[in-house]
Amino acid sequence: MLKIKRVYDPPEPGDGLRFLVDRLWPRGLKKEALGLDGWLKELAPSDGLRHWFGHDPGRWVEFCQKYHAELEGIEAAWRPLMETIRTQVVTLLFAAHDREHNNAVALAAFLEKVLANYREQDHVL
């Protein structure tokens, strides 16, 4: 199971494993406060894509397409996370103010699409 949460929201027992998926460390937070199981900054959008998007909801669809294309090129980086999601609750953490248009939402959509494709084809991840 996959969840998404803002880093500034308090950790909860139902969060399962908690992974920060931003390239930059969130402002004003100490590592201990986040209860992190890992920082997967290699899964964050490239700096160029992140700057281009600028959290502009008008660029959301194109951002997702470009970000998903980046992710397709780094399967070795997200494959272990996919294995974990299949057996455990995983919460992706992000720092952006916008809860609907951020890289964690786009990453979750990508991962869910990959999982669905494998299930349809009776593949095992």
PDB file of N, CA and C in Angstrom:
ATOM      1  N   MET A   1       0.847  -1.186   0.000  1.00  0.00           N
ATOM      2  CA  MET A   1       0.000   0.000   0.000  1.00  0.00           C
ATOM      3  C   MET A   1       0.884   1.238   0.000  1.00  0.00           C
ATOM      4  N   LEU A   2       0.456   2.229  -0.741  1.00  0.00           N
ATOM      5  CA  LEU A   2       1.231   3.446  -0.928  1.00  0.00           C
ATOM      6  C   LEU A   2       0.438   4.646  -0.425  1.00  0.00           C
ATOM      7  N   LYS A   3       1.076   5.447   0.419  1.00  0.00           N
ATOM      8  CA  LYS A   3       0.477   6.671   0.949  1.00  0.00           C
ATOM      9  C   LYS A   3       1.375   7.851   0.591  1.00  0.00           C
ATOM     10  N   ILE A   4       0.795   9.039   0.655  1.00  0.00           N
ATOM     11  CA  ILE A   4       1.534  10.272   0.389  1.00  0.00           C
ATOM     12  C   ILE A   4       1.229  11.230   1.529  1.00  0.00           C
ATOM     13  N   LYS A   5       2.269  11.907   1.993  1.00  0.00           N
ATOM     14  CA  LYS A   5       2.086  12.798   3.133  1.00  0.00           C
ATOM     15  C   LYS A   5       3.090  13.943   3.066  1.00  0.00           C
ATOM     16  N   ARG A   6       2.679  15.077   3.560  1.00  0.00           N
ATOM     17  CA  ARG A   6       3.574  16.231   3.641  1.00  0.00           C
ATOM     18  C   ARG A   6       4.530  16.036   4.824  1.00  0.00           C
ATOM     19  N   VAL A   7       5.788  16.388   4.668  1.00  0.00           N
ATOM     20  CA  VAL A   7       6.779  16.175   5.727  1.00  0.00           C
ATOM     21  C   VAL A   7       6.437  16.926   7.003  1.00  0.00           C
ATOM     22  N   TYR A   8       5.665  17.982   6.886  1.00  0.00           N
ATOM     23  CA  TYR A   8       5.334  18.790   8.054  1.00  0.00           C
ATOM     24  C   TYR A   8       4.162  18.212   8.845  1.00  0.00           C
ATOM     25  N   ASP A   9       3.517  17.176   8.316  1.00  0.00           N
ATOM     26  CA  ASP A   9       2.467  16.474   9.059  1.00  0.00           C
ATOM     27  C   ASP A   9       3.143  15.494  10.013  1.00  0.00           C
ATOM     28  N   PRO A  10       2.595  15.332  11.214  1.00  0.00           N
ATOM     29  CA  PRO A  10       3.262  14.443  12.177  1.00  0.00           C
ATOM     30  C   PRO A  10       3.230  12.978  11.733  1.00  0.00           C
ATOM     31  N   PRO A  11       4.275  12.225  12.063  1.00  0.00           N
ATOM     32  CA  PRO A  11       4.276  10.789  11.772  1.00  0.00           C
ATOM     33  C   PRO A  11       3.146  10.096  12.524  1.00  0.00           C
ATOM     34  N   GLU A  12       2.605   9.060  11.906  1.00  0.00           N
ATOM     35  CA  GLU A  12       1.533   8.275  12.523  1.00  0.00           C
ATOM     36  C   GLU A  12       1.891   6.798  12.418  1.00  0.00           C
ATOM     37  N   PRO A  13       1.379   5.981  13.339  1.00  0.00           N
ATOM     38  CA  PRO A  13       1.696   4.552  13.309  1.00  0.00           C
ATOM     39  C   PRO A  13       1.333   3.873  11.987  1.00  0.00           C
ATOM     40  N   GLY A  14       0.294   4.310  11.318  1.00  0.00           N
ATOM     41  CA  GLY A  14      -0.139   3.690  10.073  1.00  0.00           C
ATOM     42  C   GLY A  14       0.677   4.089   8.852  1.00  0.00           C
ATOM     43  N   ASP A  15       1.691   4.932   9.041  1.00  0.00           N
ATOM     44  CA  ASP A  15       2.510   5.381   7.910  1.00  0.00           C
ATOM     45  C   ASP A  15       3.380   4.267   7.333  1.00  0.00           C
ATOM     46  N   GLY A  16       3.671   3.265   8.111  1.00  0.00           N
ATOM     47  CA  GLY A  16       4.576   2.227   7.631  1.00  0.00           C
ATOM     48  C   GLY A  16       5.973   2.793   7.450  1.00  0.00           C
ATOM     49  N   LEU A  17       6.638   2.384   6.386  1.00  0.00           N
ATOM     50  CA  LEU A  17       7.969   2.907   6.082  1.00  0.00           C
ATOM     51  C   LEU A  17       7.826   4.293   5.455  1.00  0.00           C
ATOM     52  N   ARG A  18       8.645   5.219   5.913  1.00  0.00           N
ATOM     53  CA  ARG A  18       8.533   6.613   5.477  1.00  0.00           C
ATOM     54  C   ARG A  18       9.783   7.009   4.692  1.00  0.00           C
ATOM     55  N   PHE A  19       9.552   7.457   3.439  1.00  0.00           N
ATOM     56  CA  PHE A  19      10.656   7.845   2.556  1.00  0.00           C
ATOM     57  C   PHE A  19      10.452   9.254   2.036  1.00  0.00           C
ATOM     58  N   LEU A  20      11.443  10.100   2.251  1.00  0.00           N
ATOM     59  CA  LEU A  20      11.454  11.437   1.665  1.00  0.00           C
ATOM     60  C   LEU A  20      11.831  11.295   0.196  1.00  0.00           C
ATOM     61  N   VAL A  21      11.044  11.903  -0.695  1.00  0.00           N
ATOM     62  CA  VAL A  21      11.299  11.772  -2.133  1.00  0.00           C
ATOM     63  C   VAL A  21      11.573  13.120  -2.796  1.00  0.00           C
ATOM     64  N   ASP A  22      12.046  14.082  -2.025  1.00  0.00           N
ATOM     65  CA  ASP A  22      12.466  15.384  -2.550  1.00  0.00           C
ATOM     66  C   ASP A  22      13.974  15.394  -2.738  1.00  0.00           C
ATOM     67  N   ARG A  23      14.435  16.179  -3.693  1.00  0.00           N
ATOM     68  CA  ARG A  23      15.882  16.285  -3.932  1.00  0.00           C
ATOM     69  C   ARG A  23      16.551  17.137  -2.856  1.00  0.00           C
ATOM     70  N   LEU A  24      15.824  18.124  -2.332  1.00  0.00           N
ATOM     71  CA  LEU A  24      16.369  19.032  -1.322  1.00  0.00           C
ATOM     72  C   LEU A  24      15.778  18.709   0.046  1.00  0.00           C
ATOM     73  N   TRP A  25      16.569  18.914   1.091  1.00  0.00           N
ATOM     74  CA  TRP A  25      16.082  18.682   2.451  1.00  0.00           C
ATOM     75  C   TRP A  25      15.062  19.765   2.803  1.00  0.00           C
ATOM     76  N   PRO A  26      13.934  19.386   3.429  1.00  0.00           N
ATOM     77  CA  PRO A  26      12.904  20.377   3.778  1.00  0.00           C
ATOM     78  C   PRO A  26      13.389  21.389   4.816  1.00  0.00           C
ATOM     79  N   ARG A  27      13.020  22.618   4.600  1.00  0.00           N
ATOM     80  CA  ARG A  27      13.442  23.711   5.478  1.00  0.00           C
ATOM     81  C   ARG A  27      12.891  23.535   6.890  1.00  0.00           C
ATOM     82  N   GLY A  28      13.748  23.815   7.853  1.00  0.00           N
ATOM     83  CA  GLY A  28      13.327  23.885   9.233  1.00  0.00           C
ATOM     84  C   GLY A  28      13.072  22.554   9.918  1.00  0.00           C
ATOM     85  N   LEU A  29      13.425  21.456   9.295  1.00  0.00           N
ATOM     86  CA  LEU A  29      13.178  20.151   9.907  1.00  0.00           C
ATOM     87  C   LEU A  29      14.482  19.418  10.185  1.00  0.00           C
ATOM     88  N   LYS A  30      14.502  18.763  11.326  1.00  0.00           N
ATOM     89  CA  LYS A  30      15.633  17.906  11.666  1.00  0.00           C
ATOM     90  C   LYS A  30      15.284  16.477  11.299  1.00  0.00           C
ATOM     91  N   LYS A  31      16.295  15.693  10.949  1.00  0.00           N
ATOM     92  CA  LYS A  31      16.077  14.308  10.522  1.00  0.00           C
ATOM     93  C   LYS A  31      15.304  13.506  11.565  1.00  0.00           C
ATOM     94  N   GLU A  32      15.608  13.727  12.824  1.00  0.00           N
ATOM     95  CA  GLU A  32      14.949  12.971  13.886  1.00  0.00           C
ATOM     96  C   GLU A  32      13.438  13.212  13.915  1.00  0.00           C
ATOM     97  N   ALA A  33      13.007  14.398  13.552  1.00  0.00           N
ATOM     98  CA  ALA A  33      11.587  14.757  13.600  1.00  0.00           C
ATOM     99  C   ALA A  33      10.765  14.033  12.542  1.00  0.00           C
ATOM    100  N   LEU A  34      11.414  13.604  11.468  1.00  0.00           N
ATOM    101  CA  LEU A  34      10.679  13.000  10.360  1.00  0.00           C
ATOM    102  C   LEU A  34      10.420  11.509  10.531  1.00  0.00           C
ATOM    103  N   GLY A  35      11.190  10.844  11.347  1.00  0.00           N
ATOM    104  CA  GLY A  35      11.026   9.401  11.480  1.00  0.00           C
ATOM    105  C   GLY A  35      11.221   8.698  10.146  1.00  0.00           C
ATOM    106  N   LEU A  36      12.263   9.073   9.439  1.00  0.00           N
ATOM    107  CA  LEU A  36      12.518   8.549   8.095  1.00  0.00           C
ATOM    108  C   LEU A  36      13.109   7.148   8.110  1.00  0.00           C
ATOM    109  N   ASP A  37      12.724   6.382   7.113  1.00  0.00           N
ATOM    110  CA  ASP A  37      13.373   5.103   6.843  1.00  0.00           C
ATOM    111  C   ASP A  37      14.339   5.238   5.675  1.00  0.00           C
ATOM    112  N   GLY A  38      14.280   6.363   5.002  1.00  0.00           N
ATOM    113  CA  GLY A  38      15.205   6.604   3.912  1.00  0.00           C
ATOM    114  C   GLY A  38      14.907   7.896   3.190  1.00  0.00           C
ATOM    115  N   TRP A  39      15.927   8.401   2.493  1.00  0.00           N
ATOM    116  CA  TRP A  39      15.802   9.599   1.667  1.00  0.00           C
ATOM    117  C   TRP A  39      16.133   9.173   0.251  1.00  0.00           C
ATOM    118  N   LEU A  40      15.121   9.120  -0.602  1.00  0.00           N
ATOM    119  CA  LEU A  40      15.274   8.627  -1.970  1.00  0.00           C
ATOM    120  C   LEU A  40      15.369   9.795  -2.942  1.00  0.00           C
ATOM    121  N   LYS A  41      16.389  10.627  -2.757  1.00  0.00           N
ATOM    122  CA  LYS A  41      16.500  11.831  -3.585  1.00  0.00           C
ATOM    123  C   LYS A  41      16.770  11.508  -5.047  1.00  0.00           C
ATOM    124  N   GLU A  42      17.285  10.309  -5.326  1.00  0.00           N
ATOM    125  CA  GLU A  42      17.511   9.928  -6.725  1.00  0.00           C
ATOM    126  C   GLU A  42      16.196   9.725  -7.470  1.00  0.00           C
ATOM    127  N   LEU A  43      15.077   9.591  -6.740  1.00  0.00           N
ATOM    128  CA  LEU A  43      13.765   9.445  -7.369  1.00  0.00           C
ATOM    129  C   LEU A  43      13.067  10.786  -7.572  1.00  0.00           C
ATOM    130  N   ALA A  44      13.659  11.854  -7.099  1.00  0.00           N
ATOM    131  CA  ALA A  44      13.083  13.181  -7.284  1.00  0.00           C
ATOM    132  C   ALA A  44      13.311  13.640  -8.725  1.00  0.00           C
ATOM    133  N   PRO A  45      12.483  14.559  -9.198  1.00  0.00           N
ATOM    134  CA  PRO A  45      12.703  15.099 -10.550  1.00  0.00           C
ATOM    135  C   PRO A  45      14.071  15.775 -10.645  1.00  0.00           C
ATOM    136  N   SER A  46      14.614  15.785 -11.843  1.00  0.00           N
ATOM    137  CA  SER A  46      15.891  16.479 -12.062  1.00  0.00           C
ATOM    138  C   SER A  46      15.736  17.950 -11.683  1.00  0.00           C
ATOM    139  N   ASP A  47      16.856  18.586 -11.387  1.00  0.00           N
ATOM    140  CA  ASP A  47      16.811  20.014 -11.034  1.00  0.00           C
ATOM    141  C   ASP A  47      16.175  20.837 -12.147  1.00  0.00           C
ATOM    142  N   GLY A  48      16.533  20.521 -13.399  1.00  0.00           N
ATOM    143  CA  GLY A  48      15.971  21.269 -14.523  1.00  0.00           C
ATOM    144  C   GLY A  48      14.463  21.131 -14.604  1.00  0.00           C
ATOM    145  N   LEU A  49      13.955  19.933 -14.440  1.00  0.00           N
ATOM    146  CA  LEU A  49      12.510  19.711 -14.496  1.00  0.00           C
ATOM    147  C   LEU A  49      11.818  20.363 -13.311  1.00  0.00           C
ATOM    148  N   ARG A  50      12.422  20.250 -12.144  1.00  0.00           N
ATOM    149  CA  ARG A  50      11.847  20.847 -10.934  1.00  0.00           C
ATOM    150  C   ARG A  50      11.724  22.359 -11.084  1.00  0.00           C
ATOM    151  N   HIS A  51      12.781  22.993 -11.610  1.00  0.00           N
ATOM    152  CA  HIS A  51      12.742  24.449 -11.799  1.00  0.00           C
ATOM    153  C   HIS A  51      11.732  24.832 -12.885  1.00  0.00           C
ATOM    154  N   TRP A  52      11.677  24.075 -13.962  1.00  0.00           N
ATOM    155  CA  TRP A  52      10.729  24.355 -15.031  1.00  0.00           C
ATOM    156  C   TRP A  52       9.288  24.279 -14.512  1.00  0.00           C
ATOM    157  N   PHE A  53       8.974  23.259 -13.731  1.00  0.00           N
ATOM    158  CA  PHE A  53       7.619  23.076 -13.204  1.00  0.00           C
ATOM    159  C   PHE A  53       7.248  24.212 -12.257  1.00  0.00           C
ATOM    160  N   GLY A  54       8.118  24.513 -11.320  1.00  0.00           N
ATOM    161  CA  GLY A  54       7.874  25.613 -10.392  1.00  0.00           C
ATOM    162  C   GLY A  54       6.550  25.518  -9.652  1.00  0.00           C
ATOM    163  N   HIS A  55       6.017  24.325  -9.485  1.00  0.00           N
ATOM    164  CA  HIS A  55       4.738  24.079  -8.806  1.00  0.00           C
ATOM    165  C   HIS A  55       3.582  24.844  -9.449  1.00  0.00           C
ATOM    166  N   ASP A  56       3.654  25.018 -10.762  1.00  0.00           N
ATOM    167  CA  ASP A  56       2.596  25.674 -11.529  1.00  0.00           C
ATOM    168  C   ASP A  56       1.575  24.615 -11.950  1.00  0.00           C
ATOM    169  N   PRO A  57       0.356  24.642 -11.377  1.00  0.00           N
ATOM    170  CA  PRO A  57      -0.651  23.631 -11.729  1.00  0.00           C
ATOM    171  C   PRO A  57      -0.960  23.586 -13.221  1.00  0.00           C
ATOM    172  N   GLY A  58      -0.734  24.680 -13.931  1.00  0.00           N
ATOM    173  CA  GLY A  58      -0.958  24.703 -15.373  1.00  0.00           C
ATOM    174  C   GLY A  58       0.041  23.838 -16.138  1.00  0.00           C
ATOM    175  N   ARG A  59       1.148  23.507 -15.505  1.00  0.00           N
ATOM    176  CA  ARG A  59       2.165  22.656 -16.124  1.00  0.00           C
ATOM    177  C   ARG A  59       2.118  21.217 -15.605  1.00  0.00           C
ATOM    178  N   TRP A  60       1.123  20.909 -14.785  1.00  0.00           N
ATOM    179  CA  TRP A  60       1.067  19.622 -14.100  1.00  0.00           C
ATOM    180  C   TRP A  60       1.085  18.415 -15.049  1.00  0.00           C
ATOM    181  N   VAL A  61       0.234  18.408 -16.040  1.00  0.00           N
ATOM    182  CA  VAL A  61       0.147  17.253 -16.943  1.00  0.00           C
ATOM    183  C   VAL A  61       1.478  17.039 -17.657  1.00  0.00           C
ATOM    184  N   GLU A  62       2.052  18.115 -18.189  1.00  0.00           N
ATOM    185  CA  GLU A  62       3.331  17.992 -18.889  1.00  0.00           C
ATOM    186  C   GLU A  62       4.454  17.618 -17.925  1.00  0.00           C
ATOM    187  N   PHE A  63       4.409  18.164 -16.720  1.00  0.00           N
ATOM    188  CA  PHE A  63       5.396  17.790 -15.703  1.00  0.00           C
ATOM    189  C   PHE A  63       5.356  16.286 -15.446  1.00  0.00           C
ATOM    190  N   CYS A  64       4.160  15.746 -15.251  1.00  0.00           N
ATOM    191  CA  CYS A  64       4.029  14.308 -14.986  1.00  0.00           C
ATOM    192  C   CYS A  64       4.594  13.490 -16.145  1.00  0.00           C
ATOM    193  N   GLN A  65       4.299  13.889 -17.358  1.00  0.00           N
ATOM    194  CA  GLN A  65       4.811  13.159 -18.522  1.00  0.00           C
ATOM    195  C   GLN A  65       6.339  13.175 -18.544  1.00  0.00           C
ATOM    196  N   LYS A  66       6.919  14.339 -18.317  1.00  0.00           N
ATOM    197  CA  LYS A  66       8.378  14.468 -18.341  1.00  0.00           C
ATOM    198  C   LYS A  66       9.022  13.724 -17.165  1.00  0.00           C
ATOM    199  N   TYR A  67       8.416  13.842 -16.017  1.00  0.00           N
ATOM    200  CA  TYR A  67       8.941  13.176 -14.827  1.00  0.00           C
ATOM    201  C   TYR A  67       8.861  11.653 -14.981  1.00  0.00           C
ATOM    202  N   HIS A  68       7.745  11.166 -15.486  1.00  0.00           N
ATOM    203  CA  HIS A  68       7.601   9.723 -15.701  1.00  0.00           C
ATOM    204  C   HIS A  68       8.633   9.226 -16.713  1.00  0.00           C
ATOM    205  N   ALA A  69       8.930  10.032 -17.725  1.00  0.00           N
ATOM    206  CA  ALA A  69       9.968   9.657 -18.690  1.00  0.00           C
ATOM    207  C   ALA A  69      11.333   9.571 -17.999  1.00  0.00           C
ATOM    208  N   GLU A  70      11.606  10.508 -17.094  1.00  0.00           N
ATOM    209  CA  GLU A  70      12.859  10.433 -16.327  1.00  0.00           C
ATOM    210  C   GLU A  70      12.898   9.155 -15.497  1.00  0.00           C
ATOM    211  N   LEU A  71      11.789   8.836 -14.851  1.00  0.00           N
ATOM    212  CA  LEU A  71      11.734   7.646 -14.000  1.00  0.00           C
ATOM    213  C   LEU A  71      11.929   6.358 -14.804  1.00  0.00           C
ATOM    214  N   GLU A  72      11.384   6.323 -16.004  1.00  0.00           N
ATOM    215  CA  GLU A  72      11.546   5.131 -16.839  1.00  0.00           C
ATOM    216  C   GLU A  72      13.023   4.848 -17.119  1.00  0.00           C
ATOM    217  N   GLY A  73      13.826   5.883 -17.113  1.00  0.00           N
ATOM    218  CA  GLY A  73      15.249   5.725 -17.383  1.00  0.00           C
ATOM    219  C   GLY A  73      16.095   5.335 -16.179  1.00  0.00           C
ATOM    220  N   ILE A  74      15.463   5.268 -14.997  1.00  0.00           N
ATOM    221  CA  ILE A  74      16.222   4.919 -13.785  1.00  0.00           C
ATOM    222  C   ILE A  74      15.526   3.790 -13.013  1.00  0.00           C
ATOM    223  N   GLU A  75      15.155   2.761 -13.716  1.00  0.00           N
ATOM    224  CA  GLU A  75      14.428   1.648 -13.091  1.00  0.00           C
ATOM    225  C   GLU A  75      15.172   1.066 -11.890  1.00  0.00           C
ATOM    226  N   ALA A  76      16.481   0.994 -11.963  1.00  0.00           N
ATOM    227  CA  ALA A  76      17.249   0.437 -10.848  1.00  0.00           C
ATOM    228  C   ALA A  76      17.047   1.242  -9.561  1.00  0.00           C
ATOM    229  N   ALA A  77      16.693   2.512  -9.685  1.00  0.00           N
ATOM    230  CA  ALA A  77      16.481   3.352  -8.509  1.00  0.00           C
ATOM    231  C   ALA A  77      15.109   3.112  -7.865  1.00  0.00           C
ATOM    232  N   TRP A  78      14.067   2.861  -8.681  1.00  0.00           N
ATOM    233  CA  TRP A  78      12.731   2.685  -8.100  1.00  0.00           C
ATOM    234  C   TRP A  78      12.314   1.234  -7.925  1.00  0.00           C
ATOM    235  N   ARG A  79      12.983   0.300  -8.548  1.00  0.00           N
ATOM    236  CA  ARG A  79      12.609  -1.117  -8.443  1.00  0.00           C
ATOM    237  C   ARG A  79      12.601  -1.613  -6.987  1.00  0.00           C
ATOM    238  N   PRO A  80      13.621  -1.314  -6.152  1.00  0.00           N
ATOM    239  CA  PRO A  80      13.566  -1.774  -4.756  1.00  0.00           C
ATOM    240  C   PRO A  80      12.360  -1.211  -3.994  1.00  0.00           C
ATOM    241  N   LEU A  81      11.997   0.029  -4.292  1.00  0.00           N
ATOM    242  CA  LEU A  81      10.822   0.618  -3.650  1.00  0.00           C
ATOM    243  C   LEU A  81       9.563  -0.132  -4.056  1.00  0.00           C
ATOM    244  N   MET A  82       9.471  -0.534  -5.310  1.00  0.00           N
ATOM    245  CA  MET A  82       8.316  -1.308  -5.786  1.00  0.00           C
ATOM    246  C   MET A  82       8.192  -2.618  -5.015  1.00  0.00           C
ATOM    247  N   GLU A  83       9.310  -3.273  -4.797  1.00  0.00           N
ATOM    248  CA  GLU A  83       9.298  -4.531  -4.050  1.00  0.00           C
ATOM    249  C   GLU A  83       8.766  -4.305  -2.641  1.00  0.00           C
ATOM    250  N   THR A  84       9.160  -3.215  -2.027  1.00  0.00           N
ATOM    251  CA  THR A  84       8.713  -2.899  -0.676  1.00  0.00           C
ATOM    252  C   THR A  84       7.217  -2.603  -0.650  1.00  0.00           C
ATOM    253  N   ILE A  85       6.728  -1.848  -1.615  1.00  0.00           N
ATOM    254  CA  ILE A  85       5.306  -1.479  -1.675  1.00  0.00           C
ATOM    255  C   ILE A  85       4.420  -2.717  -1.789  1.00  0.00           C
ATOM    256  N   ARG A  86       4.901  -3.734  -2.453  1.00  0.00           N
ATOM    257  CA  ARG A  86       4.103  -4.957  -2.638  1.00  0.00           C
ATOM    258  C   ARG A  86       3.829  -5.659  -1.312  1.00  0.00           C
ATOM    259  N   THR A  87       4.681  -5.463  -0.295  1.00  0.00           N
ATOM    260  CA  THR A  87       4.546  -6.222   0.945  1.00  0.00           C
ATOM    261  C   THR A  87       4.329  -5.371   2.190  1.00  0.00           C
ATOM    262  N   GLN A  88       4.529  -4.058   2.086  1.00  0.00           N
ATOM    263  CA  GLN A  88       4.449  -3.198   3.268  1.00  0.00           C
ATOM    264  C   GLN A  88       3.784  -1.866   2.923  1.00  0.00           C
ATOM    265  N   VAL A  89       3.312  -1.201   3.947  1.00  0.00           N
ATOM    266  CA  VAL A  89       2.807   0.159   3.784  1.00  0.00           C
ATOM    267  C   VAL A  89       4.006   1.083   3.636  1.00  0.00           C
ATOM    268  N   VAL A  90       3.946   1.943   2.625  1.00  0.00           N
ATOM    269  CA  VAL A  90       5.014   2.907   2.364  1.00  0.00           C
ATOM    270  C   VAL A  90       4.384   4.283   2.236  1.00  0.00           C
ATOM    271  N   THR A  91       4.966   5.262   2.911  1.00  0.00           N
ATOM    272  CA  THR A  91       4.516   6.649   2.800  1.00  0.00           C
ATOM    273  C   THR A  91       5.608   7.468   2.136  1.00  0.00           C
ATOM    274  N   LEU A  92       5.236   8.114   1.034  1.00  0.00           N
ATOM    275  CA  LEU A  92       6.143   9.026   0.329  1.00  0.00           C
ATOM    276  C   LEU A  92       5.966  10.418   0.929  1.00  0.00           C
ATOM    277  N   LEU A  93       7.052  11.027   1.331  1.00  0.00           N
ATOM    278  CA  LEU A  93       7.008  12.344   1.973  1.00  0.00           C
ATOM    279  C   LEU A  93       7.515  13.426   1.026  1.00  0.00           C
ATOM    280  N   PHE A  94       6.825  14.559   1.027  1.00  0.00           N
ATOM    281  CA  PHE A  94       7.194  15.703   0.196  1.00  0.00           C
ATOM    282  C   PHE A  94       7.075  16.974   1.020  1.00  0.00           C
ATOM    283  N   ALA A  95       7.720  18.051   0.581  1.00  0.00           N
ATOM    284  CA  ALA A  95       7.715  19.306   1.328  1.00  0.00           C
ATOM    285  C   ALA A  95       6.860  20.399   0.691  1.00  0.00           C
ATOM    286  N   ALA A  96       6.456  20.239  -0.541  1.00  0.00           N
ATOM    287  CA  ALA A  96       5.714  21.297  -1.249  1.00  0.00           C
ATOM    288  C   ALA A  96       4.424  21.668  -0.512  1.00  0.00           C
ATOM    289  N   HIS A  97       3.991  22.901  -0.704  1.00  0.00           N
ATOM    290  CA  HIS A  97       2.739  23.362  -0.101  1.00  0.00           C
ATOM    291  C   HIS A  97       1.527  22.733  -0.772  1.00  0.00           C
ATOM    292  N   ASP A  98       1.589  22.565  -2.072  1.00  0.00           N
ATOM    293  CA  ASP A  98       0.471  22.041  -2.852  1.00  0.00           C
ATOM    294  C   ASP A  98       0.406  20.524  -2.684  1.00  0.00           C
ATOM    295  N   ARG A  99      -0.659  20.044  -2.088  1.00  0.00           N
ATOM    296  CA  ARG A  99      -0.810  18.613  -1.806  1.00  0.00           C
ATOM    297  C   ARG A  99      -1.253  17.810  -3.028  1.00  0.00           C
ATOM    298  N   GLU A 100      -1.680  18.480  -4.073  1.00  0.00           N
ATOM    299  CA  GLU A 100      -2.182  17.782  -5.258  1.00  0.00           C
ATOM    300  C   GLU A 100      -1.201  17.795  -6.425  1.00  0.00           C
ATOM    301  N   HIS A 101      -0.343  18.794  -6.475  1.00  0.00           N
ATOM    302  CA  HIS A 101       0.573  18.959  -7.605  1.00  0.00           C
ATOM    303  C   HIS A 101       2.011  18.984  -7.092  1.00  0.00           C
ATOM    304  N   ASN A 102       2.554  17.811  -6.818  1.00  0.00           N
ATOM    305  CA  ASN A 102       3.929  17.713  -6.330  1.00  0.00           C
ATOM    306  C   ASN A 102       4.542  16.403  -6.806  1.00  0.00           C
ATOM    307  N   ASN A 103       5.850  16.287  -6.667  1.00  0.00           N
ATOM    308  CA  ASN A 103       6.538  15.117  -7.197  1.00  0.00           C
ATOM    309  C   ASN A 103       6.139  13.813  -6.515  1.00  0.00           C
ATOM    310  N   ALA A 104       5.756  13.840  -5.253  1.00  0.00           N
ATOM    311  CA  ALA A 104       5.345  12.605  -4.576  1.00  0.00           C
ATOM    312  C   ALA A 104       4.053  12.061  -5.187  1.00  0.00           C
ATOM    313  N   VAL A 105       3.127  12.935  -5.520  1.00  0.00           N
ATOM    314  CA  VAL A 105       1.882  12.516  -6.174  1.00  0.00           C
ATOM    315  C   VAL A 105       2.199  11.928  -7.551  1.00  0.00           C
ATOM    316  N   ALA A 106       3.071  12.594  -8.288  1.00  0.00           N
ATOM    317  CA  ALA A 106       3.439  12.112  -9.621  1.00  0.00           C
ATOM    318  C   ALA A 106       4.207  10.792  -9.538  1.00  0.00           C
ATOM    319  N   LEU A 107       5.083  10.662  -8.548  1.00  0.00           N
ATOM    320  CA  LEU A 107       5.832   9.420  -8.363  1.00  0.00           C
ATOM    321  C   LEU A 107       4.883   8.279  -7.991  1.00  0.00           C
ATOM    322  N   ALA A 108       3.943   8.545  -7.097  1.00  0.00           N
ATOM    323  CA  ALA A 108       2.972   7.513  -6.709  1.00  0.00           C
ATOM    324  C   ALA A 108       2.154   7.057  -7.912  1.00  0.00           C
ATOM    325  N   ALA A 109       1.741   7.984  -8.754  1.00  0.00           N
ATOM    326  CA  ALA A 109       0.972   7.618  -9.952  1.00  0.00           C
ATOM    327  C   ALA A 109       1.809   6.730 -10.867  1.00  0.00           C
ATOM    328  N   PHE A 110       3.085   7.063 -11.018  1.00  0.00           N
ATOM    329  CA  PHE A 110       3.978   6.253 -11.844  1.00  0.00           C
ATOM    330  C   PHE A 110       4.109   4.843 -11.267  1.00  0.00           C
ATOM    331  N   LEU A 111       4.366   4.744  -9.973  1.00  0.00           N
ATOM    332  CA  LEU A 111       4.549   3.441  -9.337  1.00  0.00           C
ATOM    333  C   LEU A 111       3.276   2.601  -9.394  1.00  0.00           C
ATOM    334  N   GLU A 112       2.134   3.237  -9.186  1.00  0.00           N
ATOM    335  CA  GLU A 112       0.864   2.507  -9.259  1.00  0.00           C
ATOM    336  C   GLU A 112       0.587   2.016 -10.674  1.00  0.00           C
ATOM    337  N   LYS A 113       0.967   2.810 -11.672  1.00  0.00           N
ATOM    338  CA  LYS A 113       0.795   2.398 -13.065  1.00  0.00           C
ATOM    339  C   LYS A 113       1.682   1.186 -13.379  1.00  0.00           C
ATOM    340  N   VAL A 114       2.905   1.216 -12.912  1.00  0.00           N
ATOM    341  CA  VAL A 114       3.810   0.095 -13.135  1.00  0.00           C
ATOM    342  C   VAL A 114       3.270  -1.167 -12.458  1.00  0.00           C
ATOM    343  N   LEU A 115       2.807  -1.027 -11.224  1.00  0.00           N
ATOM    344  CA  LEU A 115       2.238  -2.178 -10.516  1.00  0.00           C
ATOM    345  C   LEU A 115       1.031  -2.735 -11.248  1.00  0.00           C
ATOM    346  N   ALA A 116       0.158  -1.870 -11.714  1.00  0.00           N
ATOM    347  CA  ALA A 116      -1.044  -2.314 -12.436  1.00  0.00           C
ATOM    348  C   ALA A 116      -0.673  -3.041 -13.716  1.00  0.00           C
ATOM    349  N   ASN A 117       0.302  -2.539 -14.442  1.00  0.00           N
ATOM    350  CA  ASN A 117       0.741  -3.189 -15.687  1.00  0.00           C
ATOM    351  C   ASN A 117       1.282  -4.585 -15.422  1.00  0.00           C
ATOM    352  N   TYR A 118       2.043  -4.739 -14.349  1.00  0.00           N
ATOM    353  CA  TYR A 118       2.590  -6.050 -14.033  1.00  0.00           C
ATOM    354  C   TYR A 118       1.494  -7.012 -13.597  1.00  0.00           C
ATOM    355  N   ARG A 119       0.534  -6.507 -12.848  1.00  0.00           N
ATOM    356  CA  ARG A 119      -0.582  -7.378 -12.427  1.00  0.00           C
ATOM    357  C   ARG A 119      -1.379  -7.850 -13.633  1.00  0.00           C
ATOM    358  N   GLU A 120      -1.633  -6.962 -14.595  1.00  0.00           N
ATOM    359  CA  GLU A 120      -2.377  -7.316 -15.795  1.00  0.00           C
ATOM    360  C   GLU A 120      -1.669  -8.387 -16.598  1.00  0.00           C
ATOM    361  N   GLN A 121      -0.362  -8.338 -16.604  1.00  0.00           N
ATOM    362  CA  GLN A 121       0.418  -9.277 -17.408  1.00  0.00           C
ATOM    363  C   GLN A 121       0.835 -10.513 -16.624  1.00  0.00           C
ATOM    364  N   ASP A 122       0.323 -10.628 -15.381  1.00  0.00           N
ATOM    365  CA  ASP A 122       0.671 -11.755 -14.508  1.00  0.00           C
ATOM    366  C   ASP A 122       2.178 -11.885 -14.272  1.00  0.00           C
ATOM    367  N   HIS A 123       2.844 -10.752 -14.230  1.00  0.00           N
ATOM    368  CA  HIS A 123       4.264 -10.761 -13.910  1.00  0.00           C
ATOM    369  C   HIS A 123       4.422 -10.640 -12.409  1.00  0.00           C
ATOM    370  N   VAL A 124       5.526 -11.058 -11.927  1.00  0.00           N
ATOM    371  CA  VAL A 124       5.852 -10.889 -10.524  1.00  0.00           C
ATOM    372  C   VAL A 124       6.978  -9.874 -10.436  1.00  0.00           C
ATOM    373  N   LEU A 125       6.762  -8.885  -9.597  1.00  0.00           N
ATOM    374  CA  LEU A 125       7.834  -7.897  -9.378  1.00  0.00           C
ATOM    375  C   LEU A 125       8.798  -8.410  -8.352  1.00  0.00           C
TER     376      LEU A 125
END
